[in-house]
């Protein structure tokens, strides 16, 4: 992932071959409640699905957890952070 760049300069998810060839952007973050922005950390792969998080975006603009298929399809928000004692943020 990249923290910035992509179509809206809000970060990307990308793939490439181990030798650096076949670089492809799988998702460009656009912000807002349904997409998020500025991804952070690492992706986790489980059964062909990638899981990750963003620093901003989501329903409260406090970051979110997302999933996306390894081929770039079916991006979805799994949790929007709201902050406070019972949730996280950023």
N, C-alpha and C. Protein backbone atom coordinates (compact mmCIF):
# COMPACT_ATOMS: atom_id res chain seq x y z
N UNK A 1 0.84 -1.18 0.00
CA UNK A 1 0.00 0.00 0.00
C UNK A 1 0.88 1.24 0.00
N UNK A 2 0.31 2.32 -0.49
CA UNK A 2 0.96 3.62 -0.39
C UNK A 2 0.05 4.55 0.40
N UNK A 3 0.63 5.40 1.22
CA UNK A 3 -0.12 6.33 2.07
C UNK A 3 -0.79 7.43 1.24
N UNK A 4 -0.15 7.83 0.17
CA UNK A 4 -0.66 8.87 -0.73
C UNK A 4 -0.51 8.37 -2.16
N UNK A 5 -0.87 9.21 -3.10
CA UNK A 5 -0.81 8.83 -4.51
C UNK A 5 -2.13 8.23 -4.96
N UNK A 6 -2.19 7.79 -6.17
CA UNK A 6 -3.42 7.27 -6.76
C UNK A 6 -4.27 8.38 -7.33
N UNK A 7 -5.44 8.02 -7.78
CA UNK A 7 -6.32 8.96 -8.49
C UNK A 7 -6.69 10.18 -7.68
N UNK A 8 -6.87 10.04 -6.36
CA UNK A 8 -7.24 11.17 -5.50
C UNK A 8 -6.11 11.59 -4.57
N UNK A 9 -4.94 11.04 -4.74
CA UNK A 9 -3.77 11.29 -3.89
C UNK A 9 -4.04 10.95 -2.42
N UNK A 10 -4.87 9.90 -2.20
CA UNK A 10 -5.22 9.49 -0.84
C UNK A 10 -4.74 8.07 -0.54
N UNK A 11 -3.90 7.51 -1.41
CA UNK A 11 -3.32 6.20 -1.17
C UNK A 11 -3.82 5.15 -2.14
N UNK A 12 -3.07 4.05 -2.20
CA UNK A 12 -3.39 2.95 -3.11
C UNK A 12 -3.11 1.60 -2.47
N UNK A 13 -3.71 0.59 -3.07
CA UNK A 13 -3.33 -0.80 -2.86
C UNK A 13 -2.81 -1.27 -4.21
N UNK A 14 -1.64 -1.89 -4.22
CA UNK A 14 -1.06 -2.31 -5.49
C UNK A 14 -0.55 -3.73 -5.40
N UNK A 15 -0.27 -4.31 -6.58
CA UNK A 15 0.39 -5.61 -6.64
C UNK A 15 1.48 -5.52 -7.69
N UNK A 16 2.47 -6.40 -7.57
CA UNK A 16 3.50 -6.52 -8.59
C UNK A 16 4.17 -7.87 -8.42
N UNK A 17 4.81 -8.32 -9.47
CA UNK A 17 5.56 -9.57 -9.41
C UNK A 17 6.81 -9.39 -8.58
N UNK A 18 7.35 -10.47 -8.02
CA UNK A 18 8.55 -10.37 -7.18
C UNK A 18 9.74 -9.70 -7.86
N UNK A 19 9.81 -9.77 -9.19
CA UNK A 19 10.93 -9.13 -9.90
C UNK A 19 10.66 -7.66 -10.22
N UNK A 20 9.52 -7.12 -9.76
CA UNK A 20 9.18 -5.71 -9.97
C UNK A 20 8.35 -5.46 -11.22
N UNK A 21 8.11 -6.48 -12.01
CA UNK A 21 7.31 -6.30 -13.23
C UNK A 21 5.82 -6.42 -12.90
N UNK A 22 5.01 -6.10 -13.86
CA UNK A 22 3.55 -6.21 -13.77
C UNK A 22 2.97 -5.43 -12.59
N UNK A 23 3.45 -4.19 -12.38
CA UNK A 23 2.90 -3.33 -11.34
C UNK A 23 1.48 -2.93 -11.72
N UNK A 24 0.54 -3.12 -10.80
CA UNK A 24 -0.87 -2.82 -11.04
C UNK A 24 -1.48 -2.20 -9.80
N UNK A 25 -2.18 -1.08 -9.94
CA UNK A 25 -2.94 -0.51 -8.83
C UNK A 25 -4.26 -1.25 -8.75
N UNK A 26 -4.52 -1.86 -7.59
CA UNK A 26 -5.77 -2.60 -7.38
C UNK A 26 -6.89 -1.69 -6.89
N UNK A 27 -6.53 -0.65 -6.13
CA UNK A 27 -7.54 0.25 -5.57
C UNK A 27 -6.90 1.60 -5.28
N UNK A 28 -7.57 2.67 -5.68
CA UNK A 28 -7.17 4.03 -5.31
C UNK A 28 -8.19 4.55 -4.31
N UNK A 29 -7.74 4.90 -3.12
CA UNK A 29 -8.65 5.40 -2.10
C UNK A 29 -9.16 6.79 -2.49
N UNK A 30 -10.45 7.04 -2.20
CA UNK A 30 -11.04 8.33 -2.55
C UNK A 30 -11.61 9.06 -1.35
N UNK A 31 -11.47 8.50 -0.16
CA UNK A 31 -11.95 9.15 1.05
C UNK A 31 -13.42 8.90 1.30
N UNK A 32 -13.92 9.49 2.35
CA UNK A 32 -15.34 9.37 2.67
C UNK A 32 -15.66 8.14 3.50
N UNK A 33 -16.93 8.02 3.81
CA UNK A 33 -17.41 6.95 4.70
C UNK A 33 -17.29 5.57 4.07
N UNK A 34 -17.42 5.48 2.76
CA UNK A 34 -17.44 4.16 2.13
C UNK A 34 -16.12 3.75 1.50
N UNK A 35 -15.07 4.54 1.69
CA UNK A 35 -13.80 4.17 1.05
C UNK A 35 -12.59 4.37 1.95
N UNK A 36 -12.51 5.40 2.70
CA UNK A 36 -11.33 5.64 3.53
C UNK A 36 -10.22 6.33 2.76
N UNK A 37 -9.13 6.64 3.49
CA UNK A 37 -7.98 7.29 2.87
C UNK A 37 -6.75 7.08 3.74
N UNK A 38 -5.61 7.19 3.13
CA UNK A 38 -4.32 7.07 3.80
C UNK A 38 -4.16 5.73 4.53
N UNK A 39 -4.04 4.63 3.77
CA UNK A 39 -3.84 3.33 4.39
C UNK A 39 -2.56 3.27 5.21
N UNK A 40 -2.57 2.46 6.25
CA UNK A 40 -1.42 2.32 7.15
C UNK A 40 -1.21 0.85 7.45
N UNK A 41 -0.01 0.53 7.90
CA UNK A 41 0.29 -0.84 8.32
C UNK A 41 0.48 -1.77 7.15
N UNK A 42 0.27 -3.03 7.40
CA UNK A 42 0.47 -4.07 6.39
C UNK A 42 -0.86 -4.72 6.04
N UNK A 43 -0.89 -5.32 4.88
CA UNK A 43 -2.05 -6.12 4.49
C UNK A 43 -1.88 -7.54 5.01
N UNK A 44 -2.99 -8.20 5.30
CA UNK A 44 -3.00 -9.60 5.68
C UNK A 44 -3.79 -10.35 4.63
N UNK A 45 -3.24 -11.45 4.14
CA UNK A 45 -3.90 -12.27 3.12
C UNK A 45 -4.48 -13.51 3.78
N UNK A 46 -5.76 -13.77 3.53
CA UNK A 46 -6.42 -14.97 4.05
C UNK A 46 -7.36 -15.49 2.97
N UNK A 47 -7.03 -16.61 2.38
CA UNK A 47 -7.90 -17.24 1.40
C UNK A 47 -8.21 -16.39 0.18
N UNK A 48 -7.26 -15.65 -0.31
CA UNK A 48 -7.47 -14.81 -1.49
C UNK A 48 -8.07 -13.45 -1.20
N UNK A 49 -8.26 -13.13 0.08
CA UNK A 49 -8.79 -11.83 0.48
C UNK A 49 -7.73 -11.09 1.28
N UNK A 50 -7.52 -9.83 0.93
CA UNK A 50 -6.59 -8.96 1.65
C UNK A 50 -7.36 -8.12 2.66
N UNK A 51 -6.80 -7.97 3.86
CA UNK A 51 -7.39 -7.15 4.91
C UNK A 51 -6.39 -6.08 5.31
N UNK A 52 -6.87 -4.86 5.56
CA UNK A 52 -6.00 -3.77 5.96
C UNK A 52 -6.77 -2.67 6.65
N UNK A 53 -6.07 -1.56 6.90
CA UNK A 53 -6.71 -0.44 7.59
C UNK A 53 -6.22 0.89 7.04
N UNK A 54 -7.00 1.91 7.30
CA UNK A 54 -6.65 3.27 6.90
C UNK A 54 -6.56 4.15 8.13
N UNK A 55 -5.82 5.23 8.01
CA UNK A 55 -5.69 6.18 9.11
C UNK A 55 -6.88 7.14 9.18
N UNK A 56 -7.44 7.46 8.04
CA UNK A 56 -8.58 8.39 7.95
C UNK A 56 -9.69 7.73 7.13
N UNK A 57 -10.80 8.42 7.06
CA UNK A 57 -11.95 7.90 6.31
C UNK A 57 -12.84 7.07 7.21
N UNK A 58 -13.83 6.47 6.63
CA UNK A 58 -14.84 5.75 7.39
C UNK A 58 -15.90 6.72 7.89
N UNK A 59 -16.89 6.21 8.57
CA UNK A 59 -18.06 7.00 8.97
C UNK A 59 -17.72 8.20 9.84
N UNK A 60 -16.68 8.10 10.70
CA UNK A 60 -16.30 9.21 11.58
C UNK A 60 -14.98 9.85 11.19
N UNK A 61 -14.48 9.52 10.03
CA UNK A 61 -13.17 10.00 9.55
C UNK A 61 -12.05 9.68 10.54
N UNK A 62 -12.20 8.55 11.25
CA UNK A 62 -11.21 8.13 12.24
C UNK A 62 -10.50 6.83 11.82
N UNK A 63 -10.63 6.49 10.54
CA UNK A 63 -10.00 5.28 10.02
C UNK A 63 -10.98 4.12 9.95
N UNK A 64 -10.54 3.07 9.28
CA UNK A 64 -11.42 1.92 9.09
C UNK A 64 -10.61 0.67 8.79
N UNK A 65 -11.28 -0.47 8.89
CA UNK A 65 -10.74 -1.75 8.47
C UNK A 65 -11.48 -2.16 7.21
N UNK A 66 -10.74 -2.65 6.21
CA UNK A 66 -11.35 -3.00 4.93
C UNK A 66 -10.89 -4.37 4.48
N UNK A 67 -11.57 -4.87 3.46
CA UNK A 67 -11.14 -6.07 2.76
C UNK A 67 -11.25 -5.82 1.27
N UNK A 68 -10.44 -6.54 0.51
CA UNK A 68 -10.47 -6.48 -0.94
C UNK A 68 -9.93 -7.80 -1.46
N UNK A 69 -10.53 -8.33 -2.50
CA UNK A 69 -10.01 -9.55 -3.09
C UNK A 69 -8.63 -9.28 -3.69
N UNK A 70 -7.79 -10.28 -3.71
CA UNK A 70 -6.42 -10.13 -4.21
C UNK A 70 -6.37 -9.70 -5.68
N UNK A 71 -7.47 -9.88 -6.41
CA UNK A 71 -7.52 -9.43 -7.80
C UNK A 71 -8.04 -8.00 -7.93
N UNK A 72 -8.35 -7.34 -6.80
CA UNK A 72 -8.82 -5.96 -6.80
C UNK A 72 -10.33 -5.80 -6.78
N UNK A 73 -11.06 -6.88 -6.78
CA UNK A 73 -12.53 -6.79 -6.78
C UNK A 73 -13.08 -6.79 -5.35
N UNK A 74 -14.32 -6.38 -5.24
CA UNK A 74 -15.11 -6.47 -4.00
C UNK A 74 -14.50 -5.76 -2.79
N UNK A 75 -14.07 -4.53 -2.97
CA UNK A 75 -13.62 -3.72 -1.84
C UNK A 75 -14.80 -3.47 -0.91
N UNK A 76 -14.59 -3.61 0.40
CA UNK A 76 -15.67 -3.36 1.35
C UNK A 76 -15.10 -2.88 2.68
N UNK A 77 -15.83 -1.97 3.33
CA UNK A 77 -15.49 -1.51 4.67
C UNK A 77 -16.06 -2.52 5.66
N UNK A 78 -15.22 -3.02 6.56
CA UNK A 78 -15.67 -3.97 7.58
C UNK A 78 -15.97 -3.28 8.91
N UNK A 79 -15.23 -2.22 9.21
CA UNK A 79 -15.44 -1.49 10.47
C UNK A 79 -14.94 -0.07 10.33
N UNK A 80 -15.75 0.88 10.74
CA UNK A 80 -15.34 2.29 10.80
C UNK A 80 -15.06 2.64 12.25
N UNK A 81 -13.84 3.10 12.53
CA UNK A 81 -13.50 3.49 13.89
C UNK A 81 -14.21 4.80 14.24
N UNK A 82 -14.62 4.92 15.51
CA UNK A 82 -15.32 6.12 15.94
C UNK A 82 -14.60 6.82 17.09
N UNK A 83 -13.52 6.24 17.59
CA UNK A 83 -12.81 6.84 18.71
C UNK A 83 -13.48 6.52 20.03
N UNK A 84 -13.02 7.16 21.07
CA UNK A 84 -13.62 6.95 22.39
C UNK A 84 -13.07 5.72 23.09
N UNK A 85 -13.59 5.47 24.29
CA UNK A 85 -13.08 4.41 25.16
C UNK A 85 -13.38 3.02 24.63
N UNK A 86 -14.44 2.84 23.84
CA UNK A 86 -14.82 1.50 23.40
C UNK A 86 -14.43 1.22 21.95
N UNK A 87 -13.70 2.11 21.31
CA UNK A 87 -13.29 1.92 19.91
C UNK A 87 -11.95 2.62 19.70
N UNK A 88 -11.34 2.38 18.60
CA UNK A 88 -10.07 3.04 18.29
C UNK A 88 -10.26 4.14 17.28
N UNK A 89 -9.13 4.76 16.93
CA UNK A 89 -9.12 5.72 15.82
C UNK A 89 -7.69 5.90 15.34
N UNK A 90 -7.58 6.30 14.10
CA UNK A 90 -6.30 6.51 13.43
C UNK A 90 -5.42 5.28 13.45
